[in-house]
Protein backbone atom coordinates (compact mmCIF):
# COMPACT_ATOMS: atom_id res chain seq x y z
CA UNK A 1 21.33 -41.68 18.65
CA UNK A 2 20.85 -39.36 15.75
CA UNK A 3 20.91 -40.55 12.73
CA UNK A 4 21.07 -38.97 9.44
CA UNK A 5 19.40 -39.93 6.13
CA UNK A 6 21.09 -40.75 2.59
CA UNK A 7 23.99 -39.02 1.41
CA UNK A 8 23.67 -37.07 4.41
CA UNK A 9 26.12 -36.66 7.50
CA UNK A 10 26.38 -36.43 11.47
CA UNK A 11 26.47 -32.38 11.02
CA UNK A 12 23.18 -31.98 8.51
CA UNK A 13 21.96 -32.13 12.31
CA UNK A 14 23.19 -28.82 13.67
CA UNK A 15 21.39 -26.95 10.71
CA UNK A 16 18.20 -27.73 12.68
CA UNK A 17 16.59 -27.13 16.04
CA UNK A 18 16.86 -30.54 17.67
CA UNK A 19 20.34 -31.23 18.35
CA UNK A 20 20.42 -27.86 20.13
CA UNK A 21 17.80 -28.11 21.89
CA UNK A 22 18.40 -31.69 23.35
CA UNK A 23 21.78 -30.19 24.45
CA UNK A 24 20.56 -27.78 26.22
CA UNK A 25 17.61 -30.28 28.19
CA UNK A 26 20.71 -32.13 29.03
CA UNK A 27 20.85 -35.06 26.62
CA UNK A 28 23.63 -36.61 25.95
CA UNK A 29 24.18 -36.50 21.78
CA UNK A 30 25.49 -38.97 19.75
CA UNK A 31 25.75 -38.19 16.00
CA UNK A 32 27.36 -40.32 13.21
CA UNK A 33 28.56 -40.48 10.06
CA UNK A 34 27.15 -43.83 8.60
CA UNK A 35 29.21 -45.58 6.55
CA UNK A 36 29.66 -44.59 3.09
CA UNK A 37 29.40 -40.87 4.00
CA UNK A 38 30.85 -37.95 5.14
CA UNK A 39 34.20 -38.57 6.60
CA UNK A 40 33.42 -42.45 7.42
CA UNK A 41 35.23 -44.74 5.87
CA UNK A 42 33.38 -45.70 1.97
CA UNK A 43 34.98 -49.16 1.06
CA UNK A 44 33.84 -50.41 -2.50
CA UNK A 45 32.31 -53.71 -1.60
CA UNK A 46 28.99 -55.37 -1.36
CA UNK A 47 29.55 -57.47 1.86
CA UNK A 48 30.50 -53.89 3.43
CA UNK A 49 27.11 -52.65 3.36
CA UNK A 50 25.04 -56.56 3.61
CA UNK A 51 23.20 -57.71 6.49
CA UNK A 52 22.43 -54.89 8.29
CA UNK A 53 25.84 -53.22 9.38
CA UNK A 54 24.64 -49.98 9.33
CA UNK A 55 22.71 -50.42 12.35
CA UNK A 56 25.29 -52.99 13.79
CA UNK A 57 27.56 -50.32 13.31
CA UNK A 58 25.23 -48.11 15.66
CA UNK A 59 25.25 -50.96 18.24
CA UNK A 60 29.06 -51.27 18.03
CA UNK A 61 29.42 -47.67 19.05
CA UNK A 62 27.26 -47.98 22.02
CA UNK A 63 28.72 -51.20 23.13
CA UNK A 64 32.38 -49.21 22.91
CA UNK A 65 30.82 -46.16 25.15
CA UNK A 66 29.41 -48.70 27.51
CA UNK A 67 26.07 -47.02 26.71
CA UNK A 68 23.17 -49.13 28.35
CA UNK A 69 20.49 -47.69 27.27
CA UNK A 70 19.89 -45.05 24.72
CA UNK A 71 16.77 -43.34 22.48
CA UNK A 72 16.87 -43.00 18.64
CA UNK A 73 16.75 -40.53 16.02
CA UNK A 74 16.28 -41.09 12.99
CA UNK A 75 14.93 -39.72 9.41
CA UNK A 76 14.35 -40.30 5.85
CA UNK A 77 16.84 -43.22 5.48
CA UNK A 78 17.80 -42.88 9.12
CA UNK A 79 14.20 -44.07 10.12
CA UNK A 80 15.04 -47.42 7.93
CA UNK A 81 17.95 -47.79 10.27
CA UNK A 82 16.47 -46.70 13.24
CA UNK A 83 13.35 -49.30 12.92
CA UNK A 84 16.13 -52.09 12.47
CA UNK A 85 17.73 -51.14 15.48
CA UNK A 86 14.61 -50.71 17.51
CA UNK A 87 14.43 -54.65 16.60
CA UNK A 88 17.69 -55.97 17.05
CA UNK A 89 19.55 -53.93 19.95
CA UNK A 90 17.04 -54.25 23.68
CA UNK A 91 19.37 -51.54 24.88
CA UNK A 92 17.42 -49.09 22.50
CA UNK A 93 14.38 -47.60 24.66
CA UNK A 94 12.46 -45.17 22.23
CA UNK A 95 12.43 -44.49 18.57
CA UNK A 96 11.97 -41.66 16.52
CA UNK A 97 10.98 -42.65 12.74
CA UNK A 98 10.89 -39.06 11.31
CA UNK A 99 10.36 -39.07 7.09
CA UNK A 100 9.03 -42.65 6.24
CA UNK A 101 6.12 -44.29 5.15
CA UNK A 102 5.27 -48.20 5.34
CA UNK A 103 6.82 -49.01 2.46
CA UNK A 104 10.69 -49.84 3.56
CA UNK A 105 8.82 -53.04 4.97
CA UNK A 106 8.82 -54.10 1.66
CA UNK A 107 12.37 -55.42 0.41
CA UNK A 108 11.35 -55.20 -2.98
CA UNK A 109 10.26 -50.87 -2.83
CA UNK A 110 10.62 -50.00 -6.41
CA UNK A 111 12.28 -46.62 -5.21
CA UNK A 112 14.87 -48.68 -3.29
CA UNK A 113 15.93 -50.67 -6.91
CA UNK A 114 15.27 -47.72 -9.18
CA UNK A 115 17.67 -45.80 -6.88
CA UNK A 116 20.27 -48.40 -7.07
CA UNK A 117 19.93 -49.02 -10.38
CA UNK A 118 20.17 -45.40 -11.41
CA UNK A 119 23.19 -45.00 -9.35
CA UNK A 120 24.58 -47.74 -11.32
CA UNK A 121 24.30 -46.14 -14.35
CA UNK A 122 20.93 -47.17 -15.78
CA UNK A 123 18.89 -44.04 -17.15
CA UNK A 124 15.39 -45.69 -17.45
CA UNK A 125 13.69 -44.64 -13.97
CA UNK A 126 13.00 -41.40 -13.83
CA UNK A 127 11.17 -41.46 -10.47
CA UNK A 128 14.60 -40.45 -8.64
CA UNK A 129 15.90 -38.32 -10.45
CA UNK A 130 15.73 -35.50 -8.45
CA UNK A 131 17.89 -38.00 -6.05
CA UNK A 132 20.35 -39.09 -8.33
CA UNK A 133 20.91 -35.23 -10.21
CA UNK A 134 21.59 -33.81 -6.49
CA UNK A 135 23.97 -36.95 -6.00
CA UNK A 136 26.41 -36.24 -8.80
CA UNK A 137 25.95 -32.89 -8.20
CA UNK A 138 27.69 -32.90 -5.22
CA UNK A 139 30.43 -35.25 -6.55
CA UNK A 140 30.11 -37.78 -3.50
CA UNK A 141 31.34 -40.92 -4.16
CA UNK A 142 28.97 -42.92 -5.93
CA UNK A 143 29.22 -46.20 -5.77
CA UNK A 144 29.13 -46.31 -2.06
CA UNK A 145 25.31 -44.82 -2.04
CA UNK A 146 24.73 -47.12 -4.22
CA UNK A 147 25.32 -50.32 -2.32
CA UNK A 148 23.66 -48.49 0.73
CA UNK A 149 20.58 -48.46 -2.07
CA UNK A 150 21.53 -52.21 -3.09
CA UNK A 151 20.90 -53.46 0.96
CA UNK A 152 18.54 -51.08 1.90
CA UNK A 153 17.60 -52.99 5.04
CA UNK A 154 13.43 -53.34 6.14
CA UNK A 155 11.22 -54.17 8.42
CA UNK A 156 8.86 -57.01 7.95
CA UNK A 157 5.35 -55.68 9.15
CA UNK A 158 5.47 -59.59 11.59
CA UNK A 159 8.40 -57.92 13.09
CA UNK A 160 6.98 -54.52 13.70
CA UNK A 161 3.76 -56.25 15.09
CA UNK A 162 6.17 -57.67 17.93
CA UNK A 163 8.17 -54.02 18.90
CA UNK A 164 6.45 -53.22 22.89
CA UNK A 165 8.73 -50.19 23.12
CA UNK A 166 7.58 -46.63 22.20
CA UNK A 167 7.45 -45.15 19.04
CA UNK A 168 7.11 -42.11 17.98
CA UNK A 169 6.44 -41.61 13.90
CA UNK A 170 6.80 -37.42 12.59
CA UNK A 171 5.88 -36.83 8.88
CA UNK A 172 6.09 -33.55 7.45
CA UNK A 173 2.39 -31.68 6.56
CA UNK A 174 4.14 -31.25 2.96
CA UNK A 175 6.10 -34.55 2.79
CA UNK A 176 5.56 -36.74 -0.28
CA UNK A 177 8.52 -38.39 -0.49
CA UNK A 178 10.02 -41.83 1.35
CA UNK A 179 6.87 -44.34 1.81
CA UNK A 180 3.70 -44.75 0.94
CA UNK A 181 1.27 -44.32 4.14
CA UNK A 182 2.69 -43.08 7.93
CA UNK A 183 -0.50 -44.07 8.95
CA UNK A 184 -0.62 -47.44 7.99
CA UNK A 185 3.02 -47.92 9.62
CA UNK A 186 1.46 -46.19 12.70
CA UNK A 187 -0.74 -49.42 12.33
CA UNK A 188 2.08 -51.60 11.61
CA UNK A 189 3.95 -50.66 15.28
CA UNK A 190 1.39 -51.20 18.47
CA UNK A 191 1.09 -48.63 20.54
CA UNK A 192 3.12 -45.89 18.22
CA UNK A 193 1.77 -42.44 18.03
CA UNK A 194 1.36 -40.10 14.51
CA UNK A 195 2.22 -36.20 14.82
CA UNK A 196 2.65 -33.78 12.16
CA UNK A 197 4.61 -31.16 12.03
CA UNK A 198 5.24 -28.29 9.20
CA UNK A 199 7.49 -28.75 6.00
CA UNK A 200 8.35 -31.22 3.61
CA UNK A 201 10.50 -34.20 3.56
CA UNK A 202 14.28 -31.88 3.08
CA UNK A 203 12.82 -28.85 5.92
CA UNK A 204 10.73 -30.91 8.77
CA UNK A 205 13.20 -32.22 10.54
CA UNK A 206 14.86 -28.65 11.08
CA UNK A 207 12.22 -26.90 12.62
CA UNK A 208 10.50 -26.45 15.81
CA UNK A 209 8.12 -27.65 16.27
CA UNK A 210 10.12 -31.27 14.80
CA UNK A 211 12.25 -31.20 18.20
CA UNK A 212 9.39 -30.13 20.59
CA UNK A 213 7.67 -33.10 19.43
CA UNK A 214 11.47 -35.27 20.15
CA UNK A 215 11.71 -33.67 23.60
CA UNK A 216 7.89 -34.48 24.74
CA UNK A 217 8.14 -38.29 23.88
CA UNK A 218 11.64 -39.14 25.02
CA UNK A 219 11.33 -36.85 28.34
């Protein structure tokens, strides 16, 4: 299962190396537009995004497809959803978290709060200007994206400490976004691995090195 980031779609994976490399290696690859994005429905109600709705969607998809075991690769906000999945769904085998540090483990992560408020029209939080300006430039449906930030799940350090299955954390060497320390995140997850690949937050997931690291980990 490949899980895209905030305001992205399933098709973003096809622009990088990983999607094709997985297919060429014989894997069944499942990509989806998370609710509120792409071709999926974009409800405008709070309850549509609360209580880990996106992770539950993926679990429901796995059930529908009669999948008994699966690996997960998330990137950026997709890693936050992947983190919820590895806690919630016993069918998850290996998990890759790309482009994410430890900040999402804080339910009151300032960036999340600022992103929600900025998307709702508050102009006082300039740390998220780049993201907000991009979203407006693409003429996205704003409210679903705002609600995704409002109800973005967090996974506690205590939950991460109980993880028994393999986890790989991948970070671009020039990535300055989406969380404080990937080293701290690795320390929170027993036995997890940390790999650096070239690129910034927007480019690292598309590199050959990212793909190579994932394939080596899940084989």
